[in-house]
Amino acid sequence: MISMHLPVYLLMLLLGTALIIPLAEKLTNLEIKIYLSYSLAIASLFSVSSLVRVLQHGAYAYHFGQWHPSIGVEFLVDEFSAAMTVLVMILSTLVIVYSFRDVEHEIQPDLVSGYYVLIFLMLFSMVGMILTNDLFNLYVFMEILSLTSCGIVSIKRKKENLMASLKYLMLGTIGSVSILLGIAFLYMVTGTLNMTLNYDLIQAAWQIYPRNILVALGFILTGFGIKAAVFPLHTWLPDAHSTAPTPSSALLSGLVVKIYLFGAIKMLFRVIGMDIITQVDIPLFMTYFAMVGMIMGSVFAIGQKDIKRILAYSSVAQIGYIVLGIGLATESGLSVALFHVVTHALMKSALFLSAGAVIYQTGRRDVRELEGIGYQMPITMSVFTIGALGMIGIPGINGFMSKWYLSFAVLEAGRPLVLLVILLSSFLNAVYYLPIIISAFLREREDHKNVLIKDDLPLTMTGPMVIIAGLCILFGFFPQLVMNIIQQAMQTFM
């Protein structure tokens, strides 16, 4: 069936687009944007069709060249992998459409085509990481993602961008080497790079080589902890996400760190297995790191005045929620972690895009200078408000459902005290988000009266923001649209 090949067609389309962009020198700026839009639309259609196919016929393994999985390359296309691919493609499409005008404002004209080459290579690597069932290919896709992520940070060619990108590259390299060493130690004891075969062999290997597997776990979790900015390994994130162009910030915070977390989930549950990770108390340690990150990320955010740095530190706290769900080591906990991967991607994209729109129109980044901005930019600040209230956990927005599900998962796991940390983190979220909302809508600048006018933004920027905010509300009222897919995918994890 042709539908089985759709994930491969999707990857080929993304890679082909990245290769063709530099060759399109004779095309006008408008023609390039139209070409990119068509490519993204087709790629999104492929991803949705693949999801429909999986929901109708179930998960399947795709073998390249019909080689046996022990020596060939294999993709595992299950319900959540297909759904995650849809999220990456649709959210990226909206962010890239937003970027058509914003990047002209943020980077030099001669760098725009190179920027989109990096973006499409990034999309290619993210989809590859999601789908691959091979440890070495996971590493290869991860390296492409790391390099392109550094590229879209440094593209502005400013001192702060170059410094942030260098810091990101250095720490990312340490993370990559750690993961590669972990994979090497696993290969030593199992003799295969296929994730499913590793899982089948790991229990016998654990009886003979427990130290090798423990060392592999340590390297892998440390590497993915750096890549995903898990506290206290987050030090690269605030500088990288706050200095990058706004579309880059939205992609990095909304998607890239989630892909690394998804990679860690695959390694823990599809390669190592629940029995081994619980024997060595990995979930307990992950829970401790998660709780500290949930609090400290928000504490650092409270002390910031730059709106993009506030959002960057907020991501550190929100990553803690995902790690907490993973650390519960239960089916409901992992379900919530995957659910929050989706909800946070939408909320944080809405926040970064709306903050970027404010910078685009007014040039202001300091939250102390945003008095009355809700009257100058009502649509933009309404989108920001929806994303911020979702982060706080106000009912009717998808962020509330994440915390609702997580609270029940914590109680089900017999850890009621962790619920207090969730409540405290929500309160801290309110401490730094509510003043921005109040200042925007309830205060007035000394040099400007509050007169309601329409946002002075192009439709290509306003439209994506509104759509993302709408999705936040949609999944707030109908979380089962996502949760049902996650529940179906649980059999491939637990």
Protein backbone atom coordinates (compact mmCIF):
# COMPACT_ATOMS: atom_id res chain seq x y z
CA MET A 1 0.00 0.00 0.00
CA ILE A 2 1.21 3.48 -0.89
CA SER A 3 0.07 4.78 2.50
CA MET A 4 2.79 2.70 4.18
CA HIS A 5 5.45 4.73 2.36
CA LEU A 6 4.05 8.15 3.36
CA PRO A 7 6.57 8.74 6.21
CA VAL A 8 9.43 8.15 3.75
CA TYR A 9 7.84 10.43 1.15
CA LEU A 10 7.52 13.07 3.86
CA LEU A 11 11.22 12.87 4.72
CA MET A 12 12.22 12.96 1.05
CA LEU A 13 10.04 16.03 0.47
CA LEU A 14 11.54 17.91 3.42
CA LEU A 15 15.10 17.03 2.43
CA GLY A 16 14.41 17.80 -1.24
CA THR A 17 12.99 21.22 -0.35
CA ALA A 18 16.09 22.01 1.71
CA LEU A 19 18.32 21.10 -1.25
CA ILE A 20 16.29 23.03 -3.83
CA ILE A 21 16.05 26.34 -1.92
CA PRO A 22 19.68 27.42 -2.64
CA LEU A 23 19.17 26.61 -6.35
CA ALA A 24 16.14 28.90 -6.64
CA GLU A 25 18.18 32.11 -6.99
CA LYS A 26 16.18 33.33 -9.99
CA LEU A 27 12.88 33.15 -8.14
CA THR A 28 11.49 36.26 -6.52
CA ASN A 29 10.96 36.47 -2.75
CA LEU A 30 7.21 35.94 -3.24
CA GLU A 31 7.74 32.91 -5.48
CA ILE A 32 10.04 31.28 -2.91
CA LYS A 33 7.43 31.81 -0.19
CA ILE A 34 4.75 30.25 -2.39
CA TYR A 35 7.01 27.28 -3.13
CA LEU A 36 7.75 26.78 0.58
CA SER A 37 4.03 27.02 1.39
CA TYR A 38 3.15 24.35 -1.19
CA SER A 39 5.91 22.09 0.13
CA LEU A 40 4.71 22.50 3.72
CA ALA A 41 1.09 21.90 2.73
CA ILE A 42 1.95 18.66 0.94
CA ALA A 43 4.18 17.52 3.83
CA SER A 44 1.38 18.23 6.32
CA LEU A 45 -1.05 16.28 4.12
CA PHE A 46 1.37 13.32 4.09
CA SER A 47 1.62 13.40 7.88
CA VAL A 48 -2.15 13.57 8.40
CA SER A 49 -2.71 10.74 5.90
CA SER A 50 -0.12 8.63 7.71
CA LEU A 51 -1.89 9.23 11.03
CA VAL A 52 -5.24 8.23 9.53
CA ARG A 53 -3.66 5.07 8.15
CA VAL A 54 -2.21 4.13 11.55
CA LEU A 55 -5.45 4.82 13.40
CA GLN A 56 -7.35 2.63 10.95
CA HIS A 57 -4.90 -0.26 10.56
CA GLY A 58 -2.63 -0.04 13.61
CA ALA A 59 1.10 0.53 14.11
CA TYR A 60 3.57 -0.98 11.68
CA ALA A 61 7.32 -1.34 11.14
CA TYR A 62 8.78 0.00 7.89
CA HIS A 63 11.94 -1.77 6.69
CA PHE A 64 14.16 0.00 4.17
CA GLY A 65 15.20 -2.33 1.36
CA GLN A 66 13.53 -5.29 3.07
CA TRP A 67 16.67 -5.87 5.14
CA HIS A 68 16.30 -7.74 8.42
CA PRO A 69 15.94 -5.28 11.37
CA SER A 70 19.18 -6.53 12.95
CA ILE A 71 21.26 -5.15 10.07
CA GLY A 72 18.87 -2.76 8.30
CA VAL A 73 17.14 0.53 9.05
CA GLU A 74 13.66 0.40 10.53
CA PHE A 75 10.95 2.98 11.21
CA LEU A 76 8.26 2.25 13.79
CA VAL A 77 5.12 4.16 12.84
CA ASP A 78 2.73 3.95 15.79
CA GLU A 79 -0.17 6.13 16.89
CA PHE A 80 1.81 8.67 18.90
CA SER A 81 4.73 8.81 16.45
CA ALA A 82 2.27 9.59 13.65
CA ALA A 83 0.44 12.14 15.84
CA MET A 84 3.75 13.75 16.85
CA THR A 85 4.69 14.03 13.17
CA VAL A 86 1.38 15.80 12.50
CA LEU A 87 2.08 18.20 15.38
CA VAL A 88 5.57 18.95 14.06
CA MET A 89 4.36 19.58 10.52
CA ILE A 90 1.27 21.66 11.29
CA LEU A 91 2.90 23.75 14.01
CA SER A 92 6.02 24.26 11.89
CA THR A 93 3.89 25.29 8.92
CA LEU A 94 2.17 27.96 11.03
CA VAL A 95 5.48 29.21 12.43
CA ILE A 96 7.12 29.33 9.00
CA VAL A 97 4.17 31.25 7.52
CA TYR A 98 4.55 33.68 10.44
CA SER A 99 8.26 33.94 9.67
CA PHE A 100 7.76 35.14 6.08
CA ARG A 101 7.51 38.73 7.30
CA ASP A 102 9.19 38.45 10.67
CA VAL A 103 12.57 37.15 9.43
CA GLU A 104 12.81 40.11 7.05
CA HIS A 105 12.69 42.26 10.16
CA GLU A 106 15.21 40.19 12.16
CA ILE A 107 17.92 38.88 9.80
CA GLN A 108 19.85 40.16 6.80
CA PRO A 109 18.16 39.63 3.40
CA ASP A 110 21.06 37.59 1.99
CA LEU A 111 20.69 35.07 4.86
CA VAL A 112 16.96 34.39 4.42
CA SER A 113 17.32 31.50 1.95
CA GLY A 114 20.00 29.89 4.16
CA TYR A 115 17.66 30.25 7.12
CA TYR A 116 14.94 28.23 5.40
CA VAL A 117 17.45 25.57 4.36
CA LEU A 118 18.27 25.13 8.05
CA ILE A 119 14.57 25.08 8.98
CA PHE A 120 13.73 22.30 6.50
CA LEU A 121 16.77 20.27 7.53
CA MET A 122 15.57 20.70 11.11
CA LEU A 123 12.11 19.42 10.19
CA PHE A 124 13.70 16.49 8.36
CA SER A 125 15.74 15.53 11.43
CA MET A 126 12.83 15.94 13.87
CA VAL A 127 10.56 13.66 11.84
CA GLY A 128 13.43 11.18 11.50
CA MET A 129 14.02 11.12 15.26
CA ILE A 130 10.32 10.56 15.89
CA LEU A 131 9.99 7.63 13.49
CA THR A 132 13.29 5.77 13.66
CA ASN A 133 13.52 2.48 15.52
CA ASP A 134 17.28 2.27 15.14
CA LEU A 135 19.73 3.60 17.74
CA PHE A 136 22.43 4.76 15.35
CA ASN A 137 19.97 6.52 13.06
CA LEU A 138 18.47 8.19 16.13
CA TYR A 139 21.95 9.57 16.81
CA VAL A 140 22.45 10.70 13.19
CA PHE A 141 19.13 12.54 13.07
CA MET A 142 19.88 14.03 16.49
CA GLU A 143 23.19 15.45 15.27
CA ILE A 144 21.50 17.07 12.26
CA LEU A 145 18.94 18.57 14.62
CA SER A 146 21.66 19.86 16.95
CA LEU A 147 23.64 21.58 14.18
CA THR A 148 20.60 23.16 12.53
CA SER A 149 19.34 24.35 15.93
CA CYS A 150 22.64 26.15 16.51
CA GLY A 151 22.42 27.58 12.99
CA ILE A 152 18.99 29.16 13.44
CA VAL A 153 20.20 30.79 16.66
CA SER A 154 23.39 32.29 15.18
CA ILE A 155 21.69 33.41 11.94
CA LYS A 156 21.24 36.97 13.24
CA ARG A 157 25.05 37.42 13.31
CA LYS A 158 24.97 39.51 16.48
CA LYS A 159 27.42 39.08 19.35
CA GLU A 160 24.80 37.75 21.77
CA ASN A 161 23.52 35.28 19.17
CA LEU A 162 26.99 33.98 18.36
CA MET A 163 27.80 33.57 22.06
CA ALA A 164 24.50 31.80 22.75
CA SER A 165 25.00 29.55 19.73
CA LEU A 166 28.56 28.67 20.79
CA LYS A 167 27.36 27.80 24.30
CA TYR A 168 24.55 25.73 22.80
CA LEU A 169 27.00 23.95 20.50
CA MET A 170 29.51 23.16 23.25
CA LEU A 171 26.96 21.77 25.69
CA GLY A 172 25.09 20.03 22.88
CA THR A 173 28.31 18.31 21.84
CA ILE A 174 28.78 17.00 25.37
CA GLY A 175 25.21 15.69 25.26
CA SER A 176 25.78 14.05 21.87
CA VAL A 177 28.97 12.33 22.98
CA SER A 178 27.22 11.08 26.13
CA ILE A 179 24.37 9.58 24.12
CA LEU A 180 26.77 8.00 21.62
CA LEU A 181 28.76 6.40 24.44
CA GLY A 182 25.54 5.10 25.97
CA ILE A 183 24.52 3.57 22.65
CA ALA A 184 27.98 2.01 22.33
CA PHE A 185 27.70 0.39 25.76
CA LEU A 186 24.29 -1.03 24.86
CA TYR A 187 25.64 -2.37 21.58
CA MET A 188 28.44 -4.08 23.48
CA VAL A 189 26.00 -6.22 25.46
CA THR A 190 23.20 -6.79 22.92
CA GLY A 191 25.01 -6.79 19.57
CA THR A 192 22.21 -4.93 17.78
CA LEU A 193 21.16 -1.33 17.17
CA ASN A 194 17.47 -2.06 16.59
CA MET A 195 15.38 -0.77 19.50
CA THR A 196 12.89 -3.64 19.51
CA LEU A 197 15.63 -6.29 19.38
CA ASN A 198 17.50 -4.46 22.15
CA TYR A 199 14.39 -4.63 24.31
CA ASP A 200 14.09 -8.38 23.65
CA LEU A 201 17.73 -9.00 24.61
CA ILE A 202 18.22 -6.51 27.42
CA GLN A 203 16.80 -8.66 30.25
CA ALA A 204 19.26 -11.47 29.57
CA ALA A 205 22.09 -8.95 29.20
CA TRP A 206 21.10 -7.32 32.51
CA GLN A 207 21.80 -10.58 34.33
CA ILE A 208 25.34 -10.76 32.92
CA TYR A 209 26.40 -7.13 32.31
CA PRO A 210 24.46 -4.93 34.77
CA ARG A 211 27.28 -2.39 35.07
CA ASN A 212 27.46 -1.84 31.31
CA ILE A 213 23.74 -1.13 31.16
CA LEU A 214 23.90 1.16 34.21
CA VAL A 215 26.73 3.16 32.63
CA ALA A 216 24.77 3.29 29.35
CA LEU A 217 21.71 4.59 31.22
CA GLY A 218 23.81 7.26 32.95
CA PHE A 219 25.32 8.51 29.69
CA ILE A 220 22.00 8.43 27.80
CA LEU A 221 19.99 10.25 30.48
CA THR A 222 22.72 12.85 30.96
CA GLY A 223 22.94 13.45 27.20
CA PHE A 224 19.21 13.80 26.69
CA GLY A 225 19.00 15.88 29.88
CA ILE A 226 21.39 18.41 28.33
CA LYS A 227 19.65 18.33 24.95
CA ALA A 228 16.19 18.78 26.48
CA ALA A 229 17.35 21.41 29.01
CA VAL A 230 16.28 19.43 32.08
CA PHE A 231 17.20 21.40 35.22
CA PRO A 232 20.07 21.84 36.18
CA LEU A 233 21.42 21.01 32.69
CA HIS A 234 19.44 23.88 31.16
CA THR A 235 22.06 26.62 31.14
CA TRP A 236 22.24 26.92 27.34
CA LEU A 237 18.49 27.38 26.87
CA PRO A 238 17.72 30.92 28.18
CA ASP A 239 20.40 32.57 26.02
CA ALA A 240 19.65 30.52 22.90
CA HIS A 241 15.86 30.86 22.98
CA SER A 242 15.78 34.53 23.95
CA THR A 243 18.32 35.80 21.41
CA ALA A 244 17.19 33.70 18.42
CA PRO A 245 14.76 35.09 15.81
CA THR A 246 11.18 34.70 17.03
CA PRO A 247 10.27 31.81 14.68
CA SER A 248 13.43 30.02 15.81
CA SER A 249 12.47 30.53 19.46
CA ALA A 250 9.00 29.10 18.81
CA LEU A 251 10.41 26.02 17.07
CA LEU A 252 13.18 25.45 19.60
CA SER A 253 10.99 25.76 22.67
CA GLY A 254 7.79 24.38 21.18
CA LEU A 255 9.20 21.39 19.31
CA VAL A 256 12.94 20.74 19.43
CA VAL A 257 13.33 20.12 23.17
CA LYS A 258 10.18 17.93 23.03
CA ILE A 259 11.76 15.77 20.34
CA TYR A 260 14.74 15.14 22.62
CA LEU A 261 12.38 14.25 25.47
CA PHE A 262 10.54 11.89 23.14
CA GLY A 263 13.91 10.34 22.28
CA ALA A 264 14.57 9.81 25.99
CA ILE A 265 11.14 8.19 26.39
CA LYS A 266 11.90 5.79 23.54
CA MET A 267 15.26 4.88 25.08
CA LEU A 268 13.78 4.27 28.54
CA PHE A 269 10.61 2.39 27.63
CA ARG A 270 11.32 0.85 24.21
CA VAL A 271 14.98 -0.07 24.69
CA ILE A 272 15.78 -0.50 28.40
CA GLY A 273 12.33 -1.42 29.69
CA MET A 274 10.33 -0.69 32.82
CA ASP A 275 11.70 -3.60 34.85
CA ILE A 276 15.31 -2.43 34.71
CA ILE A 277 14.73 1.31 35.20
CA THR A 278 12.57 0.68 38.26
CA GLN A 279 15.14 -1.69 39.78
CA VAL A 280 17.75 1.08 39.80
CA ASP A 281 15.32 3.81 40.93
CA ILE A 282 15.72 5.90 37.78
CA PRO A 283 12.06 7.12 38.01
CA LEU A 284 12.61 8.33 41.59
CA PHE A 285 15.64 10.43 40.65
CA MET A 286 13.82 11.81 37.60
CA THR A 287 10.94 12.88 39.84
CA TYR A 288 13.32 14.80 42.13
CA PHE A 289 14.97 16.61 39.20
CA ALA A 290 11.53 17.36 37.73
CA MET A 291 10.18 18.92 40.93
CA VAL A 292 13.25 21.10 41.39
CA GLY A 293 13.05 22.19 37.74
CA MET A 294 9.35 23.04 38.00
CA ILE A 295 10.09 25.41 40.87
CA MET A 296 13.48 26.85 39.92
CA GLY A 297 12.53 27.50 36.29
CA SER A 298 9.68 29.70 37.48
CA VAL A 299 11.83 31.35 40.17
CA PHE A 300 14.39 32.36 37.55
CA ALA A 301 11.59 33.57 35.24
CA ILE A 302 10.24 35.87 37.96
CA GLY A 303 13.57 37.70 38.08
CA GLN A 304 13.65 38.46 34.33
CA LYS A 305 12.51 41.66 32.59
CA ASP A 306 13.08 40.64 28.97
CA ILE A 307 9.86 38.99 27.76
CA LYS A 308 11.64 36.32 25.70
CA ARG A 309 13.93 35.39 28.60
CA ILE A 310 10.85 35.00 30.80
CA LEU A 311 9.39 32.59 28.25
CA ALA A 312 12.71 30.75 27.96
CA TYR A 313 12.95 30.12 31.71
CA SER A 314 9.28 29.18 31.72
CA SER A 315 10.18 26.38 29.31
CA VAL A 316 12.62 24.99 31.88
CA ALA A 317 9.76 24.77 34.39
CA GLN A 318 7.39 23.20 31.86
CA ILE A 319 9.95 20.58 30.88
CA GLY A 320 9.82 19.60 34.55
CA TYR A 321 6.14 18.65 34.14
CA ILE A 322 7.00 16.28 31.30
CA VAL A 323 9.91 14.73 33.21
CA LEU A 324 7.66 14.32 36.25
CA GLY A 325 5.14 12.37 34.18
CA ILE A 326 7.93 10.14 32.87
CA GLY A 327 9.36 9.70 36.37
CA LEU A 328 6.08 8.39 37.75
CA ALA A 329 6.80 5.25 35.67
CA THR A 330 3.11 4.45 35.28
CA GLU A 331 0.90 4.27 32.23
CA SER A 332 -1.11 7.31 33.33
CA GLY A 333 2.06 9.26 34.12
CA LEU A 334 3.60 8.59 30.72
CA SER A 335 0.28 9.42 29.05
CA VAL A 336 0.27 12.81 30.77
CA ALA A 337 3.90 13.42 29.80
CA LEU A 338 3.08 12.81 26.14
CA PHE A 339 -0.06 14.93 26.44
CA HIS A 340 1.95 17.82 27.87
CA VAL A 341 4.44 17.49 25.02
CA VAL A 342 1.56 18.46 22.72
CA THR A 343 -0.09 21.09 24.92
CA HIS A 344 3.12 22.89 25.84
CA ALA A 345 4.22 22.96 22.20
CA LEU A 346 1.05 24.88 21.34
CA MET A 347 1.06 27.21 24.35
CA LYS A 348 4.73 28.12 24.11
CA SER A 349 4.50 28.71 20.35
CA ALA A 350 1.56 31.05 20.95
CA LEU A 351 3.55 32.92 23.61
CA PHE A 352 6.75 33.28 21.60
CA LEU A 353 4.94 34.33 18.40
CA SER A 354 2.85 36.93 20.23
CA ALA A 355 5.93 38.25 22.06
CA GLY A 356 7.73 38.43 18.71
CA ALA A 357 4.80 40.34 17.22
CA VAL A 358 5.07 42.92 20.01
CA ILE A 359 8.79 43.30 19.31
CA TYR A 360 8.07 43.50 15.55
CA GLN A 361 5.52 46.33 15.91
CA THR A 362 6.87 48.30 18.89
CA GLY A 363 10.49 47.22 19.34
CA ARG A 364 9.83 46.75 23.08
CA ARG A 365 11.11 43.67 24.95
CA ASP A 366 11.09 44.91 28.54
CA VAL A 367 7.87 43.87 30.29
CA ARG A 368 7.93 47.15 32.24
CA GLU A 369 7.31 49.00 28.95
CA LEU A 370 4.19 47.08 27.95
CA GLU A 371 1.59 49.23 29.71
CA GLY A 372 -1.52 49.50 27.54
CA ILE A 373 -0.09 47.29 24.79
CA GLY A 374 -3.34 45.33 24.86
CA TYR A 375 -5.10 48.34 23.34
CA GLN A 376 -2.49 48.83 20.63
CA MET A 377 -2.31 45.11 19.81
CA PRO A 378 -5.52 43.48 21.09
CA ILE A 379 -5.30 40.34 18.93
CA THR A 380 -1.65 39.72 19.76
CA MET A 381 -2.10 40.22 23.49
CA SER A 382 -5.26 38.09 23.49
CA VAL A 383 -3.18 35.26 22.03
CA PHE A 384 -0.50 35.90 24.66
CA THR A 385 -3.15 35.87 27.38
CA ILE A 386 -4.54 32.52 26.23
CA GLY A 387 -1.06 30.99 26.24
CA ALA A 388 -0.19 32.51 29.63
CA LEU A 389 -3.44 31.44 31.29
CA GLY A 390 -2.88 27.96 29.91
CA MET A 391 0.56 27.90 31.53
CA ILE A 392 -0.98 28.96 34.84
CA GLY A 393 -3.65 26.27 34.53
CA ILE A 394 -6.90 28.18 34.01
CA PRO A 395 -9.82 25.88 33.01
CA GLY A 396 -10.83 25.95 29.36
CA ILE A 397 -7.25 25.96 28.05
CA ASN A 398 -5.15 22.88 27.32
CA GLY A 399 -2.60 23.66 30.04
CA PHE A 400 -5.26 23.13 32.69
CA MET A 401 -5.97 19.65 31.36
CA SER A 402 -2.26 18.77 31.53
CA LYS A 403 -2.14 19.71 35.21
CA TRP A 404 -5.48 18.02 35.86
CA TYR A 405 -4.32 14.73 34.37
CA LEU A 406 -0.91 15.04 36.03
CA SER A 407 -2.49 15.60 39.44
CA PHE A 408 -4.54 12.42 39.13
CA ALA A 409 -1.49 10.49 37.87
CA VAL A 410 0.50 11.67 40.92
CA LEU A 411 -2.26 10.59 43.31
CA GLU A 412 -2.61 7.26 41.52
CA ALA A 413 1.14 6.68 41.96
CA GLY A 414 0.77 7.29 45.70
CA ARG A 415 2.72 10.57 45.84
CA PRO A 416 0.29 13.18 47.19
CA LEU A 417 3.10 15.51 48.34
CA VAL A 418 4.14 15.99 44.71
CA LEU A 419 0.71 17.55 44.14
CA LEU A 420 1.80 20.45 46.37
CA VAL A 421 4.76 21.07 44.06
CA ILE A 422 2.41 21.21 41.05
CA LEU A 423 0.22 23.74 42.87
CA LEU A 424 3.24 25.81 43.93
CA SER A 425 4.59 25.79 40.37
CA SER A 426 1.20 26.98 39.06
CA PHE A 427 1.23 29.82 41.60
CA LEU A 428 4.73 30.84 40.51
CA ASN A 429 3.59 30.79 36.88
CA ALA A 430 0.87 33.26 37.84
CA VAL A 431 3.43 35.50 39.57
CA TYR A 432 5.27 36.30 36.33
CA TYR A 433 2.48 35.96 33.75
CA LEU A 434 -0.38 37.86 35.39
CA PRO A 435 1.55 41.16 35.82
CA ILE A 436 2.20 41.20 32.06
CA ILE A 437 -1.50 40.66 31.28
CA ILE A 438 -2.61 43.24 33.88
CA SER A 439 -0.11 45.80 32.61
CA ALA A 440 -1.19 45.22 29.00
CA PHE A 441 -4.93 45.65 29.55
CA LEU A 442 -5.42 47.59 32.79
CA ARG A 443 -2.62 50.15 32.81
CA GLU A 444 -1.94 53.21 30.68
CA ARG A 445 1.33 54.63 29.38
CA GLU A 446 2.13 58.18 30.46
CA ASP A 447 2.73 59.25 26.87
CA HIS A 448 -0.14 57.35 25.24
CA LYS A 449 -3.84 57.02 26.01
CA ASN A 450 -5.53 53.63 25.87
CA VAL A 451 -7.47 53.75 22.62
CA LEU A 452 -8.44 50.41 21.13
CA ILE A 453 -7.02 50.00 17.63
CA LYS A 454 -6.30 47.05 15.35
CA ASP A 455 -2.89 45.33 15.36
CA ASP A 456 -0.61 46.78 12.72
CA LEU A 457 0.59 43.33 11.62
CA PRO A 458 0.48 41.45 8.32
CA LEU A 459 -2.09 38.65 8.06
CA THR A 460 0.70 36.07 7.71
CA MET A 461 1.70 36.89 11.30
CA THR A 462 -1.74 37.35 12.84
CA GLY A 463 -3.32 34.25 11.27
CA PRO A 464 -0.88 31.61 12.64
CA MET A 465 -1.05 33.12 16.14
CA VAL A 466 -4.85 33.01 16.20
CA ILE A 467 -4.94 29.42 14.86
CA ILE A 468 -2.49 28.21 17.53
CA ALA A 469 -4.46 29.99 20.27
CA GLY A 470 -7.63 28.37 18.91
CA LEU A 471 -6.00 24.94 19.15
CA CYS A 472 -5.07 25.66 22.78
CA ILE A 473 -8.74 26.28 23.55
CA LEU A 474 -9.93 23.35 21.42
CA PHE A 475 -7.75 20.86 23.30
CA GLY A 476 -8.71 22.55 26.56
CA PHE A 477 -12.35 21.63 26.00
CA PHE A 478 -11.75 18.40 24.07
CA PRO A 479 -8.50 16.88 25.45
CA GLN A 480 -9.68 13.41 24.45
CA LEU A 481 -8.82 14.27 20.83
CA VAL A 482 -5.18 13.89 21.84
CA MET A 483 -5.49 11.60 24.84
CA ASN A 484 -7.35 8.88 22.91
CA ILE A 485 -4.45 8.63 20.45
CA ILE A 486 -1.94 8.52 23.31
CA GLN A 487 -3.89 5.75 25.04
CA GLN A 488 -3.80 3.69 21.86
CA ALA A 489 -0.03 4.17 21.62
CA MET A 490 0.65 3.09 25.21
CA GLN A 491 1.03 -0.56 24.19
CA THR A 492 4.18 0.35 22.24
CA PHE A 493 5.74 1.96 25.36
CA MET A 494 4.65 0.00 28.44
